[in-house]
Amino acid sequence: IGTDAALKCPTDAASCDETTCCTPDDTKCGLSNVNQPCDAATEYANPAANTPDALKSTKTNCCPKRAKCSEALCSSKKKGLKNKIGTDAALLCPTDPASCDENTCCEPDDNKCGVNGVKQNCQATATLTFKPGTEDTTKSSAACCMNVNSCLALKSSITCITGWTEYDSGQDGTTVTATSKNTKCCKPVTAWNKCPAPETQTSGNSGGSAGGSGSGSGGVVGSPSGLDQLKPLTCWRVALFVIMMVSFRG
């Protein structure tokens, strides 16, 4: 402000020198919250990039409140956990909910499947095993377990036909055998661009005969060789076989 405000910059506004044209704004948080110190016991310095320019009149702009254990993200850790209650729920975390310590703020939830189905013993039945990804699901045999002979349970041993079929997650719960798993658990590859159309022909070549003057005339483009003609048909026969195998699986 004052006389400094009338000083000229080299070119446009972006060229103005900070030391010459700028002064600290006491109404903002400022670098390292110089204008609004945080109470380390209950607050933490806002790490957002624009914090120095945020108005300090709203203190949480500069110093958010430290999260409590009751706000910890226990139920989303894929471990079958829940937030502790009682006095532990009021314990403060270093910064936001994501900073809360799992051991301090979380405990196993007996109503969830848990890691490896620890709260729902799938292995008690010979035909069942734990279903990955259900750790935070409310426990029940149907929710936590899957048949040992299902596509999902056997997924690591399934061999789909590379380039033609791929694992079908829609068949996760389908019960299969050792001989049918590689067809019943697979589906045709979405993009069918492996075979040229049967009518596709590849141009052949025939050389021109030499003329009397020593310069030969160009020959007529010939038809594909017998092998080239068979390639598309062979390719599509394989594709048809794969489709039939998948269609009649089981």
Protein backbone atom coordinates (compact mmCIF):
# COMPACT_ATOMS: atom_id res chain seq x y z
CA ILE A 1 0.00 0.00 0.00
CA GLY A 2 1.07 3.63 0.02
CA THR A 3 3.79 4.76 -2.35
CA ASP A 4 4.99 1.19 -2.95
CA ALA A 5 1.68 0.36 -4.58
CA ALA A 6 2.52 2.74 -7.43
CA LEU A 7 5.88 1.14 -8.25
CA LYS A 8 6.13 -0.36 -11.72
CA CYS A 9 6.91 -4.02 -12.41
CA PRO A 10 9.14 -5.16 -15.33
CA THR A 11 6.21 -6.42 -17.45
CA ASP A 12 2.95 -8.05 -16.34
CA ALA A 13 1.68 -8.78 -12.82
CA ALA A 14 3.54 -12.11 -12.69
CA SER A 15 6.86 -10.24 -13.09
CA CYS A 16 6.40 -8.17 -9.93
CA ASP A 17 9.08 -8.76 -7.29
CA GLU A 18 7.70 -10.28 -4.10
CA THR A 19 10.07 -8.38 -1.79
CA THR A 20 9.25 -5.06 -3.45
CA CYS A 21 5.50 -5.46 -3.87
CA CYS A 22 4.29 -7.81 -1.12
CA THR A 23 3.97 -7.70 2.67
CA PRO A 24 2.82 -10.37 5.18
CA ASP A 25 -0.95 -10.52 5.72
CA ASP A 26 -1.64 -10.85 9.44
CA THR A 27 -5.19 -11.99 8.76
CA LYS A 28 -3.95 -15.23 7.09
CA CYS A 29 -2.45 -18.36 8.66
CA GLY A 30 0.94 -17.55 7.16
CA LEU A 31 3.89 -19.87 6.52
CA SER A 32 4.16 -22.48 9.28
CA ASN A 33 1.06 -20.92 10.84
CA VAL A 34 3.14 -17.93 11.99
CA ASN A 35 -0.02 -15.89 12.53
CA GLN A 36 -2.06 -18.65 14.14
CA PRO A 37 -0.03 -21.15 16.24
CA CYS A 38 -1.66 -24.52 16.88
CA ASP A 39 -2.20 -26.20 20.24
CA ALA A 40 -0.19 -29.42 19.83
CA ALA A 41 -2.23 -31.12 22.55
CA THR A 42 -5.44 -31.06 20.53
CA GLU A 43 -4.60 -29.66 17.09
CA TYR A 44 -2.18 -30.09 14.20
CA ALA A 45 -0.92 -27.78 11.48
CA ASN A 46 -3.02 -28.05 8.34
CA PRO A 47 -0.79 -29.64 5.64
CA ALA A 48 -2.85 -28.28 2.73
CA ALA A 49 -0.82 -26.31 0.18
CA ASN A 50 -3.07 -23.25 0.40
CA THR A 51 -3.05 -23.06 4.21
CA PRO A 52 -0.73 -19.99 4.42
CA ASP A 53 -3.33 -17.98 2.48
CA ALA A 54 -6.34 -19.24 4.49
CA LEU A 55 -8.06 -16.80 6.83
CA LYS A 56 -6.98 -17.31 10.42
CA SER A 57 -10.32 -16.02 11.74
CA THR A 58 -11.54 -19.61 11.36
CA LYS A 59 -8.89 -21.41 13.36
CA THR A 60 -9.57 -24.83 11.83
CA ASN A 61 -8.34 -23.37 8.51
CA CYS A 62 -4.89 -23.30 10.08
CA CYS A 63 -5.19 -25.88 12.87
CA PRO A 64 -7.63 -28.79 12.39
CA LYS A 65 -8.59 -30.79 15.46
CA ARG A 66 -6.73 -34.06 15.98
CA ALA A 67 -8.96 -37.04 15.25
CA LYS A 68 -10.14 -39.33 18.05
CA CYS A 69 -9.88 -43.11 18.05
CA SER A 70 -13.63 -43.21 17.58
CA GLU A 71 -13.02 -41.73 14.11
CA ALA A 72 -10.33 -44.24 13.10
CA LEU A 73 -10.92 -46.11 9.82
CA CYS A 74 -10.97 -49.53 11.50
CA SER A 75 -13.86 -51.03 9.53
CA SER A 76 -12.23 -50.36 6.17
CA LYS A 77 -8.89 -52.08 6.78
CA LYS A 78 -10.03 -55.46 5.40
CA LYS A 79 -9.17 -57.10 8.73
CA GLY A 80 -12.57 -57.54 10.36
CA LEU A 81 -11.97 -54.75 12.89
CA LYS A 82 -14.13 -52.23 14.75
CA ASN A 83 -13.37 -49.07 16.73
CA LYS A 84 -12.63 -49.49 20.41
CA ILE A 85 -15.13 -48.03 22.81
CA GLY A 86 -14.90 -46.65 26.34
CA THR A 87 -11.91 -44.55 27.33
CA ASP A 88 -9.93 -45.70 24.26
CA ALA A 89 -12.46 -44.04 21.96
CA ALA A 90 -11.41 -40.62 23.24
CA LEU A 91 -7.69 -41.11 22.64
CA LEU A 92 -6.26 -38.62 20.14
CA CYS A 93 -4.51 -39.60 16.91
CA PRO A 94 -1.49 -37.69 15.51
CA THR A 95 -3.52 -35.84 12.84
CA ASP A 96 -6.54 -37.00 10.80
CA PRO A 97 -8.47 -40.33 11.03
CA ALA A 98 -6.05 -42.02 8.62
CA SER A 99 -3.21 -41.40 11.11
CA CYS A 100 -4.87 -43.35 13.91
CA ASP A 101 -2.88 -46.36 15.11
CA GLU A 102 -4.63 -49.66 14.45
CA ASN A 103 -3.41 -51.30 17.66
CA THR A 104 -4.46 -48.33 19.76
CA CYS A 105 -7.86 -47.64 18.22
CA CYS A 106 -9.12 -50.91 16.72
CA GLU A 107 -10.09 -54.37 17.91
CA PRO A 108 -11.47 -57.54 16.26
CA ASP A 109 -15.18 -57.46 15.46
CA ASP A 110 -16.74 -60.77 16.45
CA ASN A 111 -19.61 -60.14 14.04
CA LYS A 112 -17.37 -59.97 10.95
CA CYS A 113 -15.74 -62.80 8.96
CA GLY A 114 -12.28 -61.59 9.97
CA VAL A 115 -8.89 -62.36 8.46
CA ASN A 116 -8.96 -65.85 6.90
CA GLY A 117 -12.48 -66.23 8.31
CA VAL A 118 -11.20 -66.40 11.88
CA LYS A 119 -14.68 -65.54 13.21
CA GLN A 120 -16.47 -67.98 10.87
CA ASN A 121 -14.72 -71.32 10.77
CA CYS A 122 -15.28 -72.34 7.15
CA GLN A 123 -12.85 -75.23 7.44
CA ALA A 124 -15.20 -76.94 9.90
CA THR A 125 -16.96 -78.24 6.79
CA ALA A 126 -14.76 -80.25 4.43
CA THR A 127 -16.37 -78.77 1.33
CA LEU A 128 -15.88 -75.12 2.34
CA THR A 129 -12.98 -72.67 2.53
CA PHE A 130 -12.62 -68.95 3.31
CA LYS A 131 -13.73 -66.50 0.61
CA PRO A 132 -11.08 -63.72 0.16
CA GLY A 133 -12.36 -60.15 0.35
CA THR A 134 -15.07 -60.82 2.94
CA GLU A 135 -13.02 -59.89 6.01
CA ASP A 136 -15.25 -56.90 6.84
CA THR A 137 -18.51 -58.63 5.92
CA THR A 138 -21.08 -59.56 8.58
CA LYS A 139 -20.30 -63.20 9.27
CA SER A 140 -22.31 -66.17 8.05
CA SER A 141 -21.34 -69.32 6.24
CA ALA A 142 -22.79 -67.99 2.99
CA ALA A 143 -20.96 -64.64 3.31
CA CYS A 144 -17.55 -65.83 4.51
CA CYS A 145 -17.16 -69.22 2.84
CA MET A 146 -17.08 -70.74 -0.63
CA ASN A 147 -17.05 -74.26 -2.00
CA VAL A 148 -13.53 -75.70 -2.27
CA ASN A 149 -14.36 -76.72 -5.84
CA SER A 150 -15.69 -73.33 -6.94
CA CYS A 151 -14.03 -71.32 -9.71
CA LEU A 152 -12.81 -68.70 -7.22
CA ALA A 153 -11.29 -71.30 -4.91
CA LEU A 154 -9.48 -72.94 -7.83
CA LYS A 155 -8.64 -69.71 -9.68
CA SER A 156 -4.86 -70.04 -9.26
CA SER A 157 -4.91 -73.45 -10.95
CA ILE A 158 -7.23 -72.55 -13.84
CA THR A 159 -5.72 -72.30 -17.32
CA CYS A 160 -7.83 -70.39 -19.84
CA ILE A 161 -6.78 -70.44 -23.50
CA THR A 162 -4.46 -67.46 -23.93
CA GLY A 163 -5.74 -65.08 -26.59
CA TRP A 164 -9.13 -66.77 -26.78
CA THR A 165 -10.61 -67.00 -23.29
CA GLU A 166 -10.06 -65.38 -19.89
CA TYR A 167 -11.17 -65.99 -16.31
CA ASP A 168 -14.85 -65.16 -15.78
CA SER A 169 -15.44 -63.53 -12.37
CA GLY A 170 -19.16 -64.04 -12.94
CA GLN A 171 -18.52 -67.74 -12.37
CA ASP A 172 -16.74 -67.29 -9.01
CA GLY A 173 -19.35 -69.36 -7.18
CA THR A 174 -19.76 -72.05 -9.84
CA THR A 175 -18.80 -75.55 -8.71
CA VAL A 176 -16.53 -77.32 -11.18
CA THR A 177 -14.37 -80.41 -11.56
CA ALA A 178 -10.70 -80.77 -12.39
CA THR A 179 -11.60 -81.44 -16.02
CA SER A 180 -14.27 -78.74 -16.47
CA LYS A 181 -12.65 -75.83 -14.61
CA ASN A 182 -10.65 -74.60 -17.61
CA THR A 183 -13.83 -74.12 -19.66
CA LYS A 184 -16.63 -73.43 -17.15
CA CYS A 185 -14.58 -70.76 -15.36
CA CYS A 186 -13.50 -69.00 -18.55
CA LYS A 187 -15.25 -66.73 -21.03
CA PRO A 188 -14.41 -65.62 -24.59
CA VAL A 189 -12.03 -62.69 -24.86
CA THR A 190 -14.08 -59.52 -25.37
CA ALA A 191 -12.13 -58.12 -28.32
CA TRP A 192 -12.36 -60.69 -31.11
CA ASN A 193 -9.59 -59.40 -33.31
CA LYS A 194 -7.46 -62.52 -33.43
CA CYS A 195 -8.68 -63.82 -36.78
CA PRO A 196 -9.00 -62.04 -40.11
CA ALA A 197 -12.44 -62.27 -41.72
CA PRO A 198 -12.78 -65.54 -43.69
CA GLU A 199 -13.20 -63.65 -46.98
CA THR A 200 -10.00 -61.64 -46.43
CA GLN A 201 -7.47 -62.28 -49.12
CA THR A 202 -3.84 -61.37 -49.20
CA SER A 203 -2.58 -60.07 -52.50
CA GLY A 204 -0.19 -62.39 -54.23
CA ASN A 205 2.49 -61.36 -56.69
CA SER A 206 3.40 -62.43 -60.17
CA GLY A 207 6.32 -60.96 -61.96
CA GLY A 208 5.96 -59.31 -65.35
CA SER A 209 7.60 -60.77 -68.40
CA ALA A 210 10.52 -58.92 -69.83
CA GLY A 211 9.77 -56.93 -72.95
CA GLY A 212 11.87 -56.94 -76.04
CA SER A 213 13.14 -53.51 -75.25
CA GLY A 214 14.54 -54.76 -71.97
CA SER A 215 11.91 -53.19 -69.75
CA GLY A 216 9.39 -55.66 -68.33
CA SER A 217 5.72 -54.80 -67.92
CA GLY A 218 4.09 -55.11 -64.51
CA GLY A 219 2.28 -58.38 -63.98
CA VAL A 220 -1.31 -58.77 -62.83
CA VAL A 221 -1.73 -59.10 -59.10
CA GLY A 222 -2.32 -62.74 -58.46
CA SER A 223 -4.57 -64.60 -56.03
CA PRO A 224 -3.36 -65.72 -52.63
CA SER A 225 -1.45 -68.90 -52.30
CA GLY A 226 -3.30 -71.96 -51.05
CA LEU A 227 -1.67 -71.65 -47.62
CA ASP A 228 -2.66 -67.99 -47.30
CA GLN A 229 -6.24 -68.85 -48.19
CA LEU A 230 -6.38 -71.51 -45.48
CA LYS A 231 -5.03 -69.30 -42.67
CA PRO A 232 -8.27 -67.39 -41.94
CA LEU A 233 -10.36 -70.58 -42.09
CA THR A 234 -8.03 -72.44 -39.76
CA CYS A 235 -8.04 -69.53 -37.36
CA TRP A 236 -11.82 -69.35 -37.26
CA ARG A 237 -12.18 -73.09 -36.84
CA VAL A 238 -10.10 -72.84 -33.67
CA ALA A 239 -12.24 -69.90 -32.52
CA LEU A 240 -15.44 -71.87 -33.19
CA PHE A 241 -14.09 -74.82 -31.22
CA VAL A 242 -13.34 -72.55 -28.25
CA ILE A 243 -16.81 -70.98 -28.39
CA MET A 244 -18.43 -74.44 -28.46
CA MET A 245 -16.34 -75.56 -25.49
CA VAL A 246 -17.38 -72.51 -23.46
CA SER A 247 -21.03 -72.71 -24.57
CA PHE A 248 -21.41 -76.35 -23.62
CA ARG A 249 -19.26 -76.24 -20.48
CA GLY A 250 -20.42 -78.54 -17.78
